[in-house]
Amino acid sequence: MRVAFFIVLLTGAVFYTYVAYADLNFLTRTGRPGPGFFPRLIGTTAVIITLWTLIEELRKAEREHTDPAKWKDVVILIALACSYAVLLRLFGGFVSTVIFLGATLMLLNRAQPFKNLLVATLVPSGVYLLFDRVLNANMPPAIFELPI
């Protein structure tokens, strides 16, 4: 399970580093650090550290024996994340986040449904109030506007 996690993390770090090198300038015209300076530094460091950790994990003699039920949870979480992306476009940021957090928390923390309900409603409400009302930043728009 850890090896799979590090491979996914390495893939993300390589993609991030590629974007930093391909699209962002390292220096400005005046010779100052440009918008690609820190992303290149962070991306290269992330790739090196992730590779190092992945190699160390592969060198271990004992393989980690994972329970197949854990893989089931991983697949369900990936499916929930993909459905969140679809819901985000359909219903906007607030409603989609409430649905996604509610489903995810019910999967991961079945023992406390009341706490899950509170977190699934209060966290998106706080984010909505902060960004939409206080900071006057737009939340993701929806195709189907709901009256909230």
Protein backbone atom coordinates (compact mmCIF):
# COMPACT_ATOMS: atom_id res chain seq x y z
CA MET A 1 0.00 0.00 0.00
CA ARG A 2 2.85 2.39 0.82
CA VAL A 3 4.60 1.63 -2.46
CA ALA A 4 1.43 2.42 -4.40
CA PHE A 5 1.05 5.66 -2.46
CA PHE A 6 4.64 6.70 -3.21
CA ILE A 7 4.22 5.88 -6.91
CA VAL A 8 1.11 8.08 -7.10
CA LEU A 9 2.90 10.81 -5.15
CA LEU A 10 5.92 10.56 -7.46
CA THR A 11 3.65 10.85 -10.50
CA GLY A 12 2.10 14.02 -9.10
CA ALA A 13 5.50 15.47 -8.21
CA VAL A 14 6.86 14.74 -11.69
CA PHE A 15 3.83 16.38 -13.31
CA TYR A 16 4.15 19.43 -11.01
CA THR A 17 7.85 19.71 -11.81
CA TYR A 18 7.20 19.36 -15.54
CA VAL A 19 4.70 22.22 -15.44
CA ALA A 20 7.13 24.33 -13.41
CA TYR A 21 9.92 23.79 -15.95
CA ALA A 22 7.80 23.94 -19.12
CA ASP A 23 5.44 26.84 -18.43
CA LEU A 24 7.00 29.12 -15.82
CA ASN A 25 9.99 31.40 -16.28
CA PHE A 26 12.88 30.89 -13.91
CA LEU A 27 13.95 34.54 -14.00
CA THR A 28 12.23 37.75 -14.99
CA ARG A 29 13.61 40.10 -17.64
CA THR A 30 15.35 42.10 -14.91
CA GLY A 31 17.15 39.02 -13.59
CA ARG A 32 15.05 38.56 -10.46
CA PRO A 33 13.53 35.21 -9.51
CA GLY A 34 10.47 34.69 -11.65
CA PRO A 35 7.24 32.76 -11.13
CA GLY A 36 8.99 29.45 -11.84
CA PHE A 37 11.77 29.83 -9.28
CA PHE A 38 10.10 28.30 -6.22
CA PRO A 39 7.93 25.77 -8.11
CA ARG A 40 11.07 24.38 -9.75
CA LEU A 41 12.84 24.20 -6.41
CA ILE A 42 9.87 22.59 -4.66
CA GLY A 43 9.11 20.19 -7.54
CA THR A 44 12.69 19.00 -7.91
CA THR A 45 12.98 18.51 -4.14
CA ALA A 46 9.68 16.62 -4.06
CA VAL A 47 10.78 14.29 -6.87
CA ILE A 48 14.13 13.58 -5.19
CA ILE A 49 12.64 12.95 -1.74
CA THR A 50 9.82 10.80 -3.13
CA LEU A 51 12.24 8.73 -5.20
CA TRP A 52 14.47 8.27 -2.17
CA THR A 53 11.54 7.16 -0.02
CA LEU A 54 10.23 4.84 -2.73
CA ILE A 55 13.63 3.18 -3.15
CA GLU A 56 13.94 2.73 0.63
CA GLU A 57 10.48 1.18 0.74
CA LEU A 58 11.30 -1.20 -2.11
CA ARG A 59 14.56 -2.25 -0.43
CA LYS A 60 12.83 -3.46 2.69
CA ALA A 61 12.98 -7.23 2.86
CA GLU A 62 9.59 -7.66 4.44
CA ARG A 63 6.68 -6.69 2.29
CA GLU A 64 3.74 -5.07 3.94
CA HIS A 65 0.74 -7.39 3.85
CA THR A 66 -2.32 -5.25 3.37
CA ASP A 67 -5.87 -6.20 4.00
CA PRO A 68 -7.90 -6.34 0.76
CA ALA A 69 -10.62 -4.32 2.52
CA LYS A 70 -8.23 -1.35 2.59
CA TRP A 71 -7.96 -1.45 -1.19
CA LYS A 72 -11.74 -1.45 -1.36
CA ASP A 73 -11.76 1.79 0.66
CA VAL A 74 -9.13 3.29 -1.65
CA VAL A 75 -11.19 2.48 -4.73
CA ILE A 76 -14.32 3.91 -3.12
CA LEU A 77 -12.46 7.10 -2.15
CA ILE A 78 -11.16 7.50 -5.70
CA ALA A 79 -14.70 7.04 -7.02
CA LEU A 80 -15.98 9.62 -4.51
CA ALA A 81 -13.28 12.08 -5.59
CA CYS A 82 -14.20 11.64 -9.26
CA SER A 83 -17.88 12.06 -8.49
CA TYR A 84 -17.01 15.19 -6.47
CA ALA A 85 -15.43 16.68 -9.60
CA VAL A 86 -18.63 15.99 -11.54
CA LEU A 87 -20.86 17.29 -8.74
CA LEU A 88 -18.71 20.41 -8.44
CA ARG A 89 -19.53 21.32 -12.02
CA LEU A 90 -23.21 20.44 -11.69
CA PHE A 91 -24.15 21.88 -8.31
CA GLY A 92 -21.33 24.30 -7.43
CA GLY A 93 -18.87 24.35 -4.57
CA PHE A 94 -21.06 24.41 -1.48
CA VAL A 95 -23.56 21.63 -2.25
CA SER A 96 -20.91 19.38 -3.80
CA THR A 97 -18.61 19.74 -0.83
CA VAL A 98 -21.40 18.94 1.63
CA ILE A 99 -22.26 15.78 -0.32
CA PHE A 100 -18.62 14.74 -0.77
CA LEU A 101 -17.64 15.33 2.86
CA GLY A 102 -20.77 13.58 4.10
CA ALA A 103 -20.16 10.49 1.97
CA THR A 104 -16.43 10.37 2.72
CA LEU A 105 -16.86 10.81 6.45
CA MET A 106 -19.60 8.18 6.56
CA LEU A 107 -17.22 5.78 4.84
CA LEU A 108 -14.23 6.49 7.05
CA ASN A 109 -15.92 7.25 10.38
CA ARG A 110 -19.07 5.16 10.62
CA ALA A 111 -19.11 5.22 14.42
CA GLN A 112 -19.97 8.93 14.72
CA PRO A 113 -22.68 9.91 12.24
CA PHE A 114 -23.71 13.06 14.14
CA LYS A 115 -20.17 14.41 14.15
CA ASN A 116 -19.88 13.55 10.44
CA LEU A 117 -23.06 15.49 9.71
CA LEU A 118 -21.80 18.50 11.65
CA VAL A 119 -18.41 18.51 9.92
CA ALA A 120 -19.97 17.94 6.49
CA THR A 121 -22.20 21.00 6.90
CA LEU A 122 -20.17 23.38 9.07
CA VAL A 123 -16.84 23.20 7.20
CA PRO A 124 -18.33 24.05 3.78
CA SER A 125 -20.47 26.74 5.44
CA GLY A 126 -17.38 28.31 6.98
CA VAL A 127 -15.48 28.15 3.69
CA TYR A 128 -18.45 29.65 1.86
CA LEU A 129 -18.81 32.50 4.36
CA LEU A 130 -15.09 33.21 4.34
CA PHE A 131 -14.53 33.18 0.61
CA ASP A 132 -17.86 34.34 -0.80
CA ARG A 133 -18.93 36.87 1.81
CA VAL A 134 -15.78 38.10 3.60
CA LEU A 135 -13.14 37.88 0.85
CA ASN A 136 -15.63 38.44 -2.01
CA ALA A 137 -14.09 35.56 -3.99
CA ASN A 138 -16.28 33.47 -6.23
CA MET A 139 -17.08 29.89 -5.39
CA PRO A 140 -17.16 27.37 -8.26
CA PRO A 141 -20.25 28.08 -10.40
CA ALA A 142 -22.98 25.53 -10.99
CA ILE A 143 -24.92 24.45 -14.04
CA PHE A 144 -28.00 23.84 -11.89
CA GLU A 145 -28.33 26.71 -9.44
CA LEU A 146 -29.93 25.75 -6.15
CA PRO A 147 -31.70 28.36 -4.01
CA ILE A 148 -29.24 28.54 -1.10
